[in-house]
N, C-alpha and C. Protein backbone atom coordinates (compact mmCIF):
# COMPACT_ATOMS: atom_id res chain seq x y z
N MET A 1 11.73 2.52 -9.46
CA MET A 1 10.75 1.49 -9.51
C MET A 1 9.98 1.54 -10.84
N GLU A 2 9.75 2.74 -11.34
CA GLU A 2 9.02 2.87 -12.61
C GLU A 2 9.76 2.17 -13.74
N THR A 3 11.08 2.20 -13.69
CA THR A 3 11.89 1.51 -14.71
C THR A 3 11.66 0.01 -14.63
N LEU A 4 11.61 -0.55 -13.42
CA LEU A 4 11.38 -1.98 -13.25
C LEU A 4 10.01 -2.40 -13.78
N VAL A 5 9.01 -1.55 -13.58
CA VAL A 5 7.68 -1.83 -14.11
C VAL A 5 7.71 -1.83 -15.63
N ARG A 6 8.34 -0.82 -16.23
CA ARG A 6 8.44 -0.74 -17.69
C ARG A 6 9.17 -1.95 -18.28
N GLN A 7 10.17 -2.45 -17.55
CA GLN A 7 10.93 -3.61 -18.01
C GLN A 7 10.18 -4.92 -17.79
N GLY A 8 9.06 -4.88 -17.08
CA GLY A 8 8.29 -6.09 -16.82
C GLY A 8 8.84 -6.93 -15.69
N LYS A 9 9.77 -6.38 -14.90
CA LYS A 9 10.37 -7.15 -13.80
C LYS A 9 9.47 -7.20 -12.58
N ILE A 10 8.61 -6.22 -12.43
CA ILE A 10 7.61 -6.26 -11.36
C ILE A 10 6.26 -5.86 -11.95
N ILE A 11 5.20 -6.45 -11.40
CA ILE A 11 3.86 -6.14 -11.88
C ILE A 11 3.06 -5.45 -10.78
N TYR A 12 3.11 -6.01 -9.58
CA TYR A 12 2.35 -5.47 -8.46
C TYR A 12 3.29 -5.02 -7.35
N VAL A 13 2.89 -3.98 -6.65
CA VAL A 13 3.71 -3.45 -5.55
C VAL A 13 2.85 -3.40 -4.30
N GLY A 14 3.43 -3.86 -3.20
CA GLY A 14 2.76 -3.80 -1.91
C GLY A 14 3.63 -3.07 -0.91
N SER A 15 3.10 -2.86 0.27
CA SER A 15 3.86 -2.18 1.31
C SER A 15 3.87 -3.02 2.58
N SER A 16 4.78 -2.70 3.46
CA SER A 16 4.89 -3.42 4.71
C SER A 16 5.05 -2.42 5.84
N ASN A 17 4.10 -2.45 6.77
CA ASN A 17 4.12 -1.60 7.96
C ASN A 17 4.07 -0.11 7.66
N PHE A 18 3.36 0.27 6.60
CA PHE A 18 3.15 1.68 6.30
C PHE A 18 2.04 2.23 7.18
N ALA A 19 2.15 3.48 7.54
CA ALA A 19 1.03 4.15 8.21
C ALA A 19 -0.05 4.41 7.15
N GLY A 20 -1.26 4.59 7.60
CA GLY A 20 -2.37 4.82 6.69
C GLY A 20 -2.14 5.99 5.75
N TRP A 21 -1.57 7.08 6.28
CA TRP A 21 -1.35 8.25 5.43
C TRP A 21 -0.25 8.00 4.40
N HIS A 22 0.71 7.10 4.72
CA HIS A 22 1.73 6.74 3.73
C HIS A 22 1.10 6.00 2.55
N ILE A 23 0.17 5.09 2.86
CA ILE A 23 -0.50 4.33 1.81
C ILE A 23 -1.29 5.27 0.91
N ALA A 24 -2.04 6.17 1.52
CA ALA A 24 -2.85 7.12 0.75
C ALA A 24 -1.96 8.01 -0.13
N THR A 25 -0.86 8.51 0.42
CA THR A 25 0.06 9.36 -0.33
C THR A 25 0.70 8.59 -1.49
N ALA A 26 1.14 7.37 -1.23
CA ALA A 26 1.76 6.55 -2.27
C ALA A 26 0.79 6.30 -3.42
N ASN A 27 -0.46 6.00 -3.09
CA ASN A 27 -1.45 5.74 -4.13
C ASN A 27 -1.81 7.00 -4.91
N GLN A 28 -1.84 8.13 -4.26
CA GLN A 28 -2.10 9.39 -4.97
C GLN A 28 -0.98 9.69 -5.95
N GLU A 29 0.26 9.50 -5.51
CA GLU A 29 1.41 9.74 -6.40
C GLU A 29 1.40 8.78 -7.58
N ALA A 30 1.07 7.51 -7.32
CA ALA A 30 1.01 6.53 -8.40
C ALA A 30 -0.07 6.92 -9.41
N ARG A 31 -1.22 7.36 -8.92
CA ARG A 31 -2.32 7.76 -9.80
C ARG A 31 -1.90 8.94 -10.69
N LYS A 32 -1.15 9.89 -10.12
CA LYS A 32 -0.68 11.04 -10.90
C LYS A 32 0.19 10.60 -12.07
N ARG A 33 0.92 9.50 -11.88
CA ARG A 33 1.84 9.00 -12.90
C ARG A 33 1.24 7.90 -13.76
N SER A 34 -0.05 7.66 -13.58
CA SER A 34 -0.78 6.61 -14.33
C SER A 34 -0.26 5.22 -14.01
N PHE A 35 0.12 4.99 -12.77
CA PHE A 35 0.53 3.67 -12.31
C PHE A 35 -0.55 3.09 -11.42
N MET A 36 -0.53 1.79 -11.22
CA MET A 36 -1.54 1.11 -10.44
C MET A 36 -1.48 1.50 -8.96
N GLY A 37 -0.31 1.66 -8.40
CA GLY A 37 -0.17 1.95 -6.98
C GLY A 37 -0.08 0.67 -6.16
N LEU A 38 -0.17 0.82 -4.86
CA LEU A 38 -0.05 -0.32 -3.95
C LEU A 38 -1.27 -1.23 -4.06
N VAL A 39 -1.04 -2.53 -4.05
CA VAL A 39 -2.15 -3.47 -4.14
C VAL A 39 -2.34 -4.27 -2.86
N SER A 40 -1.38 -4.17 -1.92
CA SER A 40 -1.51 -4.91 -0.66
C SER A 40 -0.73 -4.21 0.45
N GLU A 41 -1.07 -4.56 1.67
CA GLU A 41 -0.38 -4.05 2.85
C GLU A 41 -0.15 -5.19 3.81
N GLN A 42 1.07 -5.35 4.26
CA GLN A 42 1.41 -6.36 5.26
C GLN A 42 1.75 -5.63 6.54
N SER A 43 0.89 -5.73 7.53
CA SER A 43 1.11 -5.04 8.80
C SER A 43 1.71 -5.98 9.83
N LYS A 44 2.41 -5.39 10.79
CA LYS A 44 2.93 -6.19 11.89
C LYS A 44 1.76 -6.83 12.62
N TYR A 45 1.91 -8.09 12.95
CA TYR A 45 0.87 -8.77 13.71
C TYR A 45 1.51 -9.88 14.53
N SER A 46 1.07 -10.02 15.74
CA SER A 46 1.58 -11.06 16.61
C SER A 46 0.40 -11.70 17.33
N LEU A 47 0.29 -13.01 17.27
CA LEU A 47 -0.78 -13.69 18.00
C LEU A 47 -0.63 -13.48 19.50
N ALA A 48 0.61 -13.35 19.96
CA ALA A 48 0.84 -13.13 21.39
C ALA A 48 0.33 -11.76 21.83
N ARG A 49 0.46 -10.77 20.97
CA ARG A 49 0.04 -9.41 21.33
C ARG A 49 -1.34 -9.07 20.77
N GLU A 50 -1.77 -9.84 19.75
CA GLU A 50 -3.07 -9.61 19.10
C GLU A 50 -3.31 -8.15 18.77
N ARG A 51 -2.31 -7.56 18.16
CA ARG A 51 -2.41 -6.14 17.84
C ARG A 51 -1.85 -5.90 16.44
N SER A 52 -2.52 -5.10 15.68
CA SER A 52 -2.06 -4.77 14.34
C SER A 52 -2.18 -3.26 14.17
N ASN A 53 -1.71 -2.78 13.05
CA ASN A 53 -1.81 -1.36 12.76
C ASN A 53 -3.20 -1.07 12.20
N TRP A 54 -4.17 -0.87 13.05
CA TRP A 54 -5.56 -0.70 12.64
C TRP A 54 -5.79 0.61 11.88
N LYS A 55 -4.86 1.55 11.94
CA LYS A 55 -5.01 2.79 11.19
C LYS A 55 -5.09 2.51 9.69
N CYS A 56 -4.43 1.44 9.25
CA CYS A 56 -4.46 1.10 7.83
C CYS A 56 -5.84 0.62 7.40
N CYS A 57 -6.60 0.10 8.32
CA CYS A 57 -7.91 -0.45 7.98
C CYS A 57 -8.89 0.62 7.52
N ARG A 58 -8.69 1.87 7.92
CA ARG A 58 -9.58 2.95 7.51
C ARG A 58 -9.24 3.47 6.11
N VAL A 59 -8.05 3.21 5.64
CA VAL A 59 -7.62 3.75 4.35
C VAL A 59 -8.48 3.27 3.19
N PRO A 60 -8.80 1.98 3.06
CA PRO A 60 -9.59 1.55 1.90
C PRO A 60 -10.92 2.29 1.76
N GLY A 61 -11.65 2.43 2.82
CA GLY A 61 -12.94 3.11 2.75
C GLY A 61 -12.83 4.60 2.47
N ASN A 62 -11.79 5.20 2.96
CA ASN A 62 -11.63 6.66 2.80
C ASN A 62 -11.01 7.06 1.47
N THR A 63 -10.31 6.15 0.82
CA THR A 63 -9.61 6.51 -0.41
C THR A 63 -10.04 5.72 -1.63
N GLY A 64 -10.92 4.75 -1.45
CA GLY A 64 -11.34 3.92 -2.57
C GLY A 64 -10.35 2.81 -2.89
N TRP A 65 -9.42 2.56 -1.98
CA TRP A 65 -8.39 1.54 -2.17
C TRP A 65 -8.94 0.22 -1.66
N GLY A 66 -8.83 -0.85 -2.45
CA GLY A 66 -9.23 -2.15 -1.96
C GLY A 66 -10.53 -2.68 -2.48
């Protein structure tokens, strides 16, 4: 992925259905490499079930993300 960023083929990276600790770990690794890290999260959501992965909601406040 770092090669694609250097080539200008991607600018921003997001995640889909990551657990909160995955988001935190990914952003820590990106920071170590002087990369921006994840800029968005798309969680599973269904109006019928009205349930989302709320564990991700705690990540921004605890890690400075967002």
